[in-house]
Amino acid sequence: MPMSQATEPEDIEGQAAALVARAYQLADSQLEGINEAAEELAGMSRADLTVISRARRVVMGRLATRPDRATAQVAWLIRRAIEVGAGQWQWETTDPVP
């Protein structure tokens, strides 16, 4: 879904919460297919970059306040989901961060 057609903020929050919850379930399981798990998480964003971005911000906030193994693994899974799903999102042109 292009950024110009982004979902409503409350929808984004709900989708991001579901994505984070699923990431914790995957992290708690005995993962054998990391890329498959990442593809599932990327797919949960429904091609809306704002959903996966919000999920990442939530998890990074948790990682800062609660740096446990599960949260670290969830952060890694979401980062990998961004890498795997990069082709499905419409990226805005941004200036590089110094």
PDB file of N, CA and C in Angstrom:
ATOM      1  N   MET A   1       0.858  -1.165   0.000  1.00  0.00           N
ATOM      2  CA  MET A   1       0.000   0.000   0.000  1.00  0.00           C
ATOM      3  C   MET A   1       0.904   1.229   0.000  1.00  0.00           C
ATOM      4  N   PRO A   2       0.797   2.113  -0.978  1.00  0.00           N
ATOM      5  CA  PRO A   2       1.631   3.303  -1.022  1.00  0.00           C
ATOM      6  C   PRO A   2       1.382   4.192   0.184  1.00  0.00           C
ATOM      7  N   MET A   3       2.410   4.963   0.523  1.00  0.00           N
ATOM      8  CA  MET A   3       2.308   5.843   1.680  1.00  0.00           C
ATOM      9  C   MET A   3       1.152   6.813   1.531  1.00  0.00           C
ATOM     10  N   SER A   4       0.821   7.213   0.309  1.00  0.00           N
ATOM     11  CA  SER A   4      -0.284   8.143   0.115  1.00  0.00           C
ATOM     12  C   SER A   4      -1.621   7.512   0.499  1.00  0.00           C
ATOM     13  N   GLN A   5      -1.661   6.188   0.592  1.00  0.00           N
ATOM     14  CA  GLN A   5      -2.887   5.490   0.961  1.00  0.00           C
ATOM     15  C   GLN A   5      -2.742   4.823   2.321  1.00  0.00           C
ATOM     16  N   ALA A   6      -1.942   5.412   3.186  1.00  0.00           N
ATOM     17  CA  ALA A   6      -1.684   4.817   4.502  1.00  0.00           C
ATOM     18  C   ALA A   6      -2.979   4.670   5.284  1.00  0.00           C
ATOM     19  N   THR A   7      -2.996   3.682   6.132  1.00  0.00           N
ATOM     20  CA  THR A   7      -4.179   3.429   6.946  1.00  0.00           C
ATOM     21  C   THR A   7      -4.276   4.455   8.068  1.00  0.00           C
ATOM     22  N   GLU A   8      -5.395   4.469   8.738  1.00  0.00           N
ATOM     23  CA  GLU A   8      -5.628   5.400   9.843  1.00  0.00           C
ATOM     24  C   GLU A   8      -4.676   5.080  11.001  1.00  0.00           C
ATOM     25  N   PRO A   9      -4.323   6.094  11.803  1.00  0.00           N
ATOM     26  CA  PRO A   9      -3.388   5.869  12.920  1.00  0.00           C
ATOM     27  C   PRO A   9      -3.806   4.752  13.872  1.00  0.00           C
ATOM     28  N   GLU A  10      -5.098   4.652  14.181  1.00  0.00           N
ATOM     29  CA  GLU A  10      -5.521   3.586  15.103  1.00  0.00           C
ATOM     30  C   GLU A  10      -5.383   2.213  14.459  1.00  0.00           C
ATOM     31  N   ASP A  11      -5.564   2.141  13.142  1.00  0.00           N
ATOM     32  CA  ASP A  11      -5.345   0.882  12.435  1.00  0.00           C
ATOM     33  C   ASP A  11      -3.872   0.507  12.460  1.00  0.00           C
ATOM     34  N   ILE A  12      -3.021   1.508  12.288  1.00  0.00           N
ATOM     35  CA  ILE A  12      -1.578   1.272  12.319  1.00  0.00           C
ATOM     36  C   ILE A  12      -1.174   0.738  13.683  1.00  0.00           C
ATOM     37  N   GLU A  13      -1.684   1.346  14.743  1.00  0.00           N
ATOM     38  CA  GLU A  13      -1.364   0.891  16.104  1.00  0.00           C
ATOM     39  C   GLU A  13      -1.803  -0.556  16.314  1.00  0.00           C
ATOM     40  N   GLY A  14      -2.999  -0.891  15.862  1.00  0.00           N
ATOM     41  CA  GLY A  14      -3.501  -2.254  16.018  1.00  0.00           C
ATOM     42  C   GLY A  14      -2.694  -3.259  15.214  1.00  0.00           C
ATOM     43  N   GLN A  15      -2.373  -2.912  13.988  1.00  0.00           N
ATOM     44  CA  GLN A  15      -1.574  -3.800  13.144  1.00  0.00           C
ATOM     45  C   GLN A  15      -0.164  -3.959  13.696  1.00  0.00           C
ATOM     46  N   ALA A  16       0.415  -2.854  14.169  1.00  0.00           N
ATOM     47  CA  ALA A  16       1.761  -2.918  14.745  1.00  0.00           C
ATOM     48  C   ALA A  16       1.756  -3.769  16.014  1.00  0.00           C
ATOM     49  N   ALA A  17       0.733  -3.622  16.845  1.00  0.00           N
ATOM     50  CA  ALA A  17       0.632  -4.419  18.070  1.00  0.00           C
ATOM     51  C   ALA A  17       0.514  -5.907  17.743  1.00  0.00           C
ATOM     52  N   ALA A  18      -0.270  -6.226  16.724  1.00  0.00           N
ATOM     53  CA  ALA A  18      -0.407  -7.631  16.309  1.00  0.00           C
ATOM     54  C   ALA A  18       0.919  -8.162  15.776  1.00  0.00           C
ATOM     55  N   LEU A  19       1.632  -7.341  15.025  1.00  0.00           N
ATOM     56  CA  LEU A  19       2.922  -7.738  14.472  1.00  0.00           C
ATOM     57  C   LEU A  19       3.925  -7.990  15.597  1.00  0.00           C
ATOM     58  N   VAL A  20       3.966  -7.099  16.580  1.00  0.00           N
ATOM     59  CA  VAL A  20       4.878  -7.267  17.719  1.00  0.00           C
ATOM     60  C   VAL A  20       4.514  -8.517  18.514  1.00  0.00           C
ATOM     61  N   ALA A  21       3.230  -8.741  18.744  1.00  0.00           N
ATOM     62  CA  ALA A  21       2.800  -9.936  19.475  1.00  0.00           C
ATOM     63  C   ALA A  21       3.221 -11.203  18.749  1.00  0.00           C
ATOM     64  N   ARG A  22       3.050 -11.210  17.434  1.00  0.00           N
ATOM     65  CA  ARG A  22       3.454 -12.390  16.648  1.00  0.00           C
ATOM     66  C   ARG A  22       4.970 -12.566  16.677  1.00  0.00           C
ATOM     67  N   ALA A  23       5.700 -11.460  16.638  1.00  0.00           N
ATOM     68  CA  ALA A  23       7.162 -11.543  16.709  1.00  0.00           C
ATOM     69  C   ALA A  23       7.601 -12.163  18.028  1.00  0.00           C
ATOM     70  N   TYR A  24       6.932 -11.808  19.125  1.00  0.00           N
ATOM     71  CA  TYR A  24       7.255 -12.431  20.420  1.00  0.00           C
ATOM     72  C   TYR A  24       6.930 -13.923  20.405  1.00  0.00           C
ATOM     73  N   GLN A  25       5.825 -14.303  19.760  1.00  0.00           N
ATOM     74  CA  GLN A  25       5.486 -15.728  19.660  1.00  0.00           C
ATOM     75  C   GLN A  25       6.566 -16.469  18.872  1.00  0.00           C
ATOM     76  N   LEU A  26       6.999 -15.877  17.766  1.00  0.00           N
ATOM     77  CA  LEU A  26       8.035 -16.502  16.958  1.00  0.00           C
ATOM     78  C   LEU A  26       9.351 -16.599  17.725  1.00  0.00           C
ATOM     79  N   ALA A  27       9.693 -15.545  18.456  1.00  0.00           N
ATOM     80  CA  ALA A  27      10.933 -15.546  19.231  1.00  0.00           C
ATOM     81  C   ALA A  27      10.888 -16.588  20.339  1.00  0.00           C
ATOM     82  N   ASP A  28       9.708 -16.837  20.876  1.00  0.00           N
ATOM     83  CA  ASP A  28       9.544 -17.808  21.953  1.00  0.00           C
ATOM     84  C   ASP A  28       9.559 -19.238  21.432  1.00  0.00           C
ATOM     85  N   SER A  29       9.290 -19.403  20.151  1.00  0.00           N
ATOM     86  CA  SER A  29       9.289 -20.741  19.564  1.00  0.00           C
ATOM     87  C   SER A  29      10.710 -21.120  19.156  1.00  0.00           C
ATOM     88  N   GLN A  30      10.874 -22.344  18.772  1.00  0.00           N
ATOM     89  CA  GLN A  30      12.170 -22.791  18.291  1.00  0.00           C
ATOM     90  C   GLN A  30      12.233 -22.511  16.791  1.00  0.00           C
ATOM     91  N   LEU A  31      12.735 -21.337  16.474  1.00  0.00           N
ATOM     92  CA  LEU A  31      12.790 -20.915  15.075  1.00  0.00           C
ATOM     93  C   LEU A  31      13.764 -21.775  14.282  1.00  0.00           C
ATOM     94  N   GLU A  32      13.286 -22.266  13.180  1.00  0.00           N
ATOM     95  CA  GLU A  32      14.159 -22.984  12.266  1.00  0.00           C
ATOM     96  C   GLU A  32      14.316 -22.209  10.970  1.00  0.00           C
ATOM     97  N   GLY A  33      13.316 -21.441  10.607  1.00  0.00           N
ATOM     98  CA  GLY A  33      13.355 -20.669   9.370  1.00  0.00           C
ATOM     99  C   GLY A  33      13.274 -19.181   9.669  1.00  0.00           C
ATOM    100  N   ILE A  34      14.418 -18.565   9.886  1.00  0.00           N
ATOM    101  CA  ILE A  34      14.450 -17.143  10.233  1.00  0.00           C
ATOM    102  C   ILE A  34      13.843 -16.304   9.115  1.00  0.00           C
ATOM    103  N   ASN A  35      14.217 -16.578   7.879  1.00  0.00           N
ATOM    104  CA  ASN A  35      13.683 -15.790   6.763  1.00  0.00           C
ATOM    105  C   ASN A  35      12.186 -15.978   6.611  1.00  0.00           C
ATOM    106  N   GLU A  36      11.698 -17.185   6.853  1.00  0.00           N
ATOM    107  CA  GLU A  36      10.259 -17.422   6.763  1.00  0.00           C
ATOM    108  C   GLU A  36       9.524 -16.621   7.834  1.00  0.00           C
ATOM    109  N   ALA A  37      10.079 -16.582   9.036  1.00  0.00           N
ATOM    110  CA  ALA A  37       9.472 -15.791  10.108  1.00  0.00           C
ATOM    111  C   ALA A  37       9.490 -14.312   9.743  1.00  0.00           C
ATOM    112  N   ALA A  38      10.599 -13.846   9.195  1.00  0.00           N
ATOM    113  CA  ALA A  38      10.714 -12.444   8.788  1.00  0.00           C
ATOM    114  C   ALA A  38       9.735 -12.126   7.662  1.00  0.00           C
ATOM    115  N   GLU A  39       9.574 -13.048   6.726  1.00  0.00           N
ATOM    116  CA  GLU A  39       8.609 -12.843   5.633  1.00  0.00           C
ATOM    117  C   GLU A  39       7.188 -12.760   6.176  1.00  0.00           C
ATOM    118  N   GLU A  40       6.877 -13.597   7.156  1.00  0.00           N
ATOM    119  CA  GLU A  40       5.546 -13.546   7.761  1.00  0.00           C
ATOM    120  C   GLU A  40       5.301 -12.184   8.412  1.00  0.00           C
ATOM    121  N   LEU A  41       6.288 -11.702   9.164  1.00  0.00           N
ATOM    122  CA  LEU A  41       6.150 -10.401   9.819  1.00  0.00           C
ATOM    123  C   LEU A  41       6.039  -9.278   8.795  1.00  0.00           C
ATOM    124  N   ALA A  42       6.843  -9.341   7.745  1.00  0.00           N
ATOM    125  CA  ALA A  42       6.760  -8.321   6.686  1.00  0.00           C
ATOM    126  C   ALA A  42       5.380  -8.344   6.043  1.00  0.00           C
ATOM    127  N   GLY A  43       4.846  -9.534   5.822  1.00  0.00           N
ATOM    128  CA  GLY A  43       3.519  -9.664   5.234  1.00  0.00           C
ATOM    129  C   GLY A  43       2.420  -9.117   6.134  1.00  0.00           C
ATOM    130  N   MET A  44       2.624  -9.202   7.433  1.00  0.00           N
ATOM    131  CA  MET A  44       1.618  -8.688   8.371  1.00  0.00           C
ATOM    132  C   MET A  44       1.452  -7.176   8.273  1.00  0.00           C
ATOM    133  N   SER A  45       2.446  -6.509   7.717  1.00  0.00           N
ATOM    134  CA  SER A  45       2.358  -5.046   7.579  1.00  0.00           C
ATOM    135  C   SER A  45       1.408  -4.651   6.454  1.00  0.00           C
ATOM    136  N   ARG A  46       1.012  -5.629   5.654  1.00  0.00           N
ATOM    137  CA  ARG A  46       0.108  -5.389   4.518  1.00  0.00           C
ATOM    138  C   ARG A  46       0.666  -4.329   3.576  1.00  0.00           C
ATOM    139  N   ALA A  47       1.984  -4.372   3.359  1.00  0.00           N
ATOM    140  CA  ALA A  47       2.697  -3.476   2.451  1.00  0.00           C
ATOM    141  C   ALA A  47       2.604  -2.010   2.874  1.00  0.00           C
ATOM    142  N   ASP A  48       2.370  -1.772   4.153  1.00  0.00           N
ATOM    143  CA  ASP A  48       2.313  -0.408   4.676  1.00  0.00           C
ATOM    144  C   ASP A  48       3.543  -0.200   5.557  1.00  0.00           C
ATOM    145  N   LEU A  49       4.467   0.610   5.074  1.00  0.00           N
ATOM    146  CA  LEU A  49       5.720   0.847   5.775  1.00  0.00           C
ATOM    147  C   LEU A  49       5.501   1.431   7.166  1.00  0.00           C
ATOM    148  N   THR A  50       4.453   2.201   7.348  1.00  0.00           N
ATOM    149  CA  THR A  50       4.216   2.816   8.655  1.00  0.00           C
ATOM    150  C   THR A  50       3.929   1.769   9.733  1.00  0.00           C
ATOM    151  N   VAL A  51       3.357   0.646   9.356  1.00  0.00           N
ATOM    152  CA  VAL A  51       3.051  -0.415  10.329  1.00  0.00           C
ATOM    153  C   VAL A  51       4.347  -1.038  10.847  1.00  0.00           C
ATOM    154  N   ILE A  52       5.228  -1.450   9.950  1.00  0.00           N
ATOM    155  CA  ILE A  52       6.473  -2.087  10.391  1.00  0.00           C
ATOM    156  C   ILE A  52       7.370  -1.071  11.094  1.00  0.00           C
ATOM    157  N   SER A  53       7.314   0.182  10.672  1.00  0.00           N
ATOM    158  CA  SER A  53       8.101   1.231  11.332  1.00  0.00           C
ATOM    159  C   SER A  53       7.616   1.439  12.762  1.00  0.00           C
ATOM    160  N   ARG A  54       6.307   1.458  12.941  1.00  0.00           N
ATOM    161  CA  ARG A  54       5.744   1.631  14.285  1.00  0.00           C
ATOM    162  C   ARG A  54       6.101   0.440  15.166  1.00  0.00           C
ATOM    163  N   ALA A  55       6.006  -0.769  14.621  1.00  0.00           N
ATOM    164  CA  ALA A  55       6.367  -1.964  15.382  1.00  0.00           C
ATOM    165  C   ALA A  55       7.829  -1.898  15.807  1.00  0.00           C
ATOM    166  N   ARG A  56       8.688  -1.448  14.918  1.00  0.00           N
ATOM    167  CA  ARG A  56      10.112  -1.331  15.249  1.00  0.00           C
ATOM    168  C   ARG A  56      10.331  -0.315  16.368  1.00  0.00           C
ATOM    169  N   ARG A  57       9.667   0.823  16.297  1.00  0.00           N
ATOM    170  CA  ARG A  57       9.818   1.842  17.349  1.00  0.00           C
ATOM    171  C   ARG A  57       9.342   1.310  18.706  1.00  0.00           C
ATOM    172  N   VAL A  58       8.244   0.578  18.714  1.00  0.00           N
ATOM    173  CA  VAL A  58       7.736  -0.008  19.954  1.00  0.00           C
ATOM    174  C   VAL A  58       8.769  -0.957  20.553  1.00  0.00           C
ATOM    175  N   VAL A  59       9.306  -1.828  19.727  1.00  0.00           N
ATOM    176  CA  VAL A  59      10.261  -2.827  20.216  1.00  0.00           C
ATOM    177  C   VAL A  59      11.573  -2.171  20.637  1.00  0.00           C
ATOM    178  N   MET A  60      12.036  -1.175  19.910  1.00  0.00           N
ATOM    179  CA  MET A  60      13.274  -0.495  20.296  1.00  0.00           C
ATOM    180  C   MET A  60      13.089   0.229  21.635  1.00  0.00           C
ATOM    181  N   GLY A  61      11.900   0.779  21.869  1.00  0.00           N
ATOM    182  CA  GLY A  61      11.612   1.388  23.167  1.00  0.00           C
ATOM    183  C   GLY A  61      11.643   0.359  24.281  1.00  0.00           C
ATOM    184  N   ARG A  62      11.079  -0.805  24.011  1.00  0.00           N
ATOM    185  CA  ARG A  62      11.100  -1.883  25.017  1.00  0.00           C
ATOM    186  C   ARG A  62      12.527  -2.354  25.255  1.00  0.00           C
ATOM    187  N   LEU A  63      13.308  -2.437  24.193  1.00  0.00           N
ATOM    188  CA  LEU A  63      14.686  -2.896  24.311  1.00  0.00           C
ATOM    189  C   LEU A  63      15.504  -1.934  25.171  1.00  0.00           C
ATOM    190  N   ALA A  64      15.196  -0.653  25.075  1.00  0.00           N
ATOM    191  CA  ALA A  64      15.901   0.343  25.882  1.00  0.00           C
ATOM    192  C   ALA A  64      15.550   0.225  27.366  1.00  0.00           C
ATOM    193  N   THR A  65      14.305  -0.142  27.655  1.00  0.00           N
ATOM    194  CA  THR A  65      13.876  -0.221  29.052  1.00  0.00           C
ATOM    195  C   THR A  65      13.920  -1.634  29.626  1.00  0.00           C
ATOM    196  N   ARG A  66      13.875  -2.630  28.745  1.00  0.00           N
ATOM    197  CA  ARG A  66      13.847  -4.028  29.189  1.00  0.00           C
ATOM    198  C   ARG A  66      14.711  -4.865  28.234  1.00  0.00           C
ATOM    199  N   PRO A  67      16.017  -4.781  28.405  1.00  0.00           N
ATOM    200  CA  PRO A  67      16.911  -5.455  27.454  1.00  0.00           C
ATOM    201  C   PRO A  67      17.042  -6.960  27.698  1.00  0.00           C
ATOM    202  N   ASP A  68      15.937  -7.682  27.567  1.00  0.00           N
ATOM    203  CA  ASP A  68      15.999  -9.128  27.754  1.00  0.00           C
ATOM    204  C   ASP A  68      16.205  -9.833  26.415  1.00  0.00           C
ATOM    205  N   ARG A  69      16.463 -11.122  26.506  1.00  0.00           N
ATOM    206  CA  ARG A  69      16.768 -11.917  25.315  1.00  0.00           C
ATOM    207  C   ARG A  69      15.609 -11.933  24.322  1.00  0.00           C
ATOM    208  N   ALA A  70      14.395 -12.097  24.821  1.00  0.00           N
ATOM    209  CA  ALA A  70      13.234 -12.175  23.933  1.00  0.00           C
ATOM    210  C   ALA A  70      13.046 -10.870  23.160  1.00  0.00           C
ATOM    211  N   THR A  71      13.169  -9.750  23.841  1.00  0.00           N
ATOM    212  CA  THR A  71      12.987  -8.462  23.179  1.00  0.00           C
ATOM    213  C   THR A  71      14.100  -8.216  22.168  1.00  0.00           C
ATOM    214  N   ALA A  72      15.319  -8.618  22.500  1.00  0.00           N
ATOM    215  CA  ALA A  72      16.424  -8.486  21.551  1.00  0.00           C
ATOM    216  C   ALA A  72      16.175  -9.332  20.306  1.00  0.00           C
ATOM    217  N   GLN A  73      15.650 -10.526  20.492  1.00  0.00           N
ATOM    218  CA  GLN A  73      15.364 -11.391  19.355  1.00  0.00           C
ATOM    219  C   GLN A  73      14.216 -10.829  18.520  1.00  0.00           C
ATOM    220  N   VAL A  74      13.214 -10.265  19.164  1.00  0.00           N
ATOM    221  CA  VAL A  74      12.104  -9.635  18.446  1.00  0.00           C
ATOM    222  C   VAL A  74      12.621  -8.460  17.625  1.00  0.00           C
ATOM    223  N   ALA A  75      13.496  -7.647  18.219  1.00  0.00           N
ATOM    224  CA  ALA A  75      14.076  -6.517  17.484  1.00  0.00           C
ATOM    225  C   ALA A  75      14.821  -7.016  16.251  1.00  0.00           C
ATOM    226  N   TRP A  76      15.561  -8.105  16.410  1.00  0.00           N
ATOM    227  CA  TRP A  76      16.305  -8.666  15.285  1.00  0.00           C
ATOM    228  C   TRP A  76      15.338  -9.194  14.214  1.00  0.00           C
ATOM    229  N   LEU A  77      14.282  -9.874  14.633  1.00  0.00           N
ATOM    230  CA  LEU A  77      13.306 -10.397  13.670  1.00  0.00           C
ATOM    231  C   LEU A  77      12.638  -9.268  12.884  1.00  0.00           C
ATOM    232  N   ILE A  78      12.297  -8.189  13.562  1.00  0.00           N
ATOM    233  CA  ILE A  78      11.652  -7.071  12.876  1.00  0.00           C
ATOM    234  C   ILE A  78      12.633  -6.396  11.929  1.00  0.00           C
ATOM    235  N   ARG A  79      13.890  -6.272  12.358  1.00  0.00           N
ATOM    236  CA  ARG A  79      14.901  -5.704  11.450  1.00  0.00           C
ATOM    237  C   ARG A  79      15.035  -6.581  10.202  1.00  0.00           C
ATOM    238  N   ARG A  80      15.051  -7.883  10.398  1.00  0.00           N
ATOM    239  CA  ARG A  80      15.153  -8.805   9.258  1.00  0.00           C
ATOM    240  C   ARG A  80      13.895  -8.722   8.401  1.00  0.00           C
ATOM    241  N   ALA A  81      12.743  -8.545   9.015  1.00  0.00           N
ATOM    242  CA  ALA A  81      11.493  -8.383   8.259  1.00  0.00           C
ATOM    243  C   ALA A  81      11.553  -7.141   7.381  1.00  0.00           C
ATOM    244  N   ILE A  82      12.158  -6.078   7.886  1.00  0.00           N
ATOM    245  CA  ILE A  82      12.314  -4.863   7.082  1.00  0.00           C
ATOM    246  C   ILE A  82      13.216  -5.143   5.891  1.00  0.00           C
ATOM    247  N   GLU A  83      14.295  -5.876   6.114  1.00  0.00           N
ATOM    248  CA  GLU A  83      15.203  -6.222   5.022  1.00  0.00           C
ATOM    249  C   GLU A  83      14.506  -7.095   3.980  1.00  0.00           C
ATOM    250  N   VAL A  84      13.797  -8.118   4.452  1.00  0.00           N
ATOM    251  CA  VAL A  84      13.125  -9.054   3.553  1.00  0.00           C
ATOM    252  C   VAL A  84      11.998  -8.371   2.775  1.00  0.00           C
ATOM    253  N   GLY A  85      11.266  -7.506   3.450  1.00  0.00           N
ATOM    254  CA  GLY A  85      10.107  -6.878   2.828  1.00  0.00           C
ATOM    255  C   GLY A  85      10.376  -5.553   2.149  1.00  0.00           C
ATOM    256  N   ALA A  86      11.635  -5.143   2.084  1.00  0.00           N
ATOM    257  CA  ALA A  86      11.964  -3.817   1.555  1.00  0.00           C
ATOM    258  C   ALA A  86      11.403  -3.574   0.159  1.00  0.00           C
ATOM    259  N   GLY A  87      11.296  -4.601  -0.632  1.00  0.00           N
ATOM    260  CA  GLY A  87      10.794  -4.429  -1.990  1.00  0.00           C
ATOM    261  C   GLY A  87       9.312  -4.142  -2.090  1.00  0.00           C
ATOM    262  N   GLN A  88       8.557  -4.402  -1.038  1.00  0.00           N
ATOM    263  CA  GLN A  88       7.103  -4.222  -1.126  1.00  0.00           C
ATOM    264  C   GLN A  88       6.631  -2.866  -0.633  1.00  0.00           C
ATOM    265  N   TRP A  89       7.518  -2.083   0.010  1.00  0.00           N
ATOM    266  CA  TRP A  89       7.115  -0.790   0.544  1.00  0.00           C
ATOM    267  C   TRP A  89       7.564   0.337  -0.359  1.00  0.00           C
ATOM    268  N   GLN A  90       6.787   1.386  -0.382  1.00  0.00           N
ATOM    269  CA  GLN A  90       7.170   2.574  -1.122  1.00  0.00           C
ATOM    270  C   GLN A  90       7.985   3.442  -0.178  1.00  0.00           C
ATOM    271  N   TRP A  91       9.239   3.634  -0.528  1.00  0.00           N
ATOM    272  CA  TRP A  91      10.151   4.407   0.321  1.00  0.00           C
ATOM    273  C   TRP A  91      10.144   5.848  -0.132  1.00  0.00           C
ATOM    274  N   GLU A  92      10.145   6.748   0.818  1.00  0.00           N
ATOM    275  CA  GLU A  92      10.224   8.168   0.527  1.00  0.00           C
ATOM    276  C   GLU A  92      11.694   8.533   0.408  1.00  0.00           C
ATOM    277  N   THR A  93      11.996   9.486  -0.446  1.00  0.00           N
ATOM    278  CA  THR A  93      13.368   9.957  -0.569  1.00  0.00           C
ATOM    279  C   THR A  93      13.703  10.767   0.674  1.00  0.00           C
ATOM    280  N   THR A  94      14.778  10.387   1.327  1.00  0.00           N
ATOM    281  CA  THR A  94      15.188  11.091   2.538  1.00  0.00           C
ATOM    282  C   THR A  94      16.647  11.440   2.437  1.00  0.00           C
ATOM    283  N   ASP A  95      17.049  12.462   3.157  1.00  0.00           N
ATOM    284  CA  ASP A  95      18.448  12.818   3.225  1.00  0.00           C
ATOM    285  C   ASP A  95      19.137  11.834   4.145  1.00  0.00           C
ATOM    286  N   PRO A  96      20.397  11.502   3.838  1.00  0.00           N
ATOM    287  CA  PRO A  96      21.110  10.580   4.727  1.00  0.00           C
ATOM    288  C   PRO A  96      21.334  11.199   6.100  1.00  0.00           C
ATOM    289  N   VAL A  97      21.332  10.357   7.087  1.00  0.00           N
ATOM    290  CA  VAL A  97      21.578  10.806   8.457  1.00  0.00           C
ATOM    291  C   VAL A  97      23.077  10.984   8.619  1.00  0.00           C
ATOM    292  N   PRO A  98      23.514  12.128   9.150  1.00  0.00           N
ATOM    293  CA  PRO A  98      24.982  12.337   9.298  1.00  0.00           C
ATOM    294  C   PRO A  98      25.598  11.403  10.306  1.00  0.00           C
TER     295      PRO A  98
END
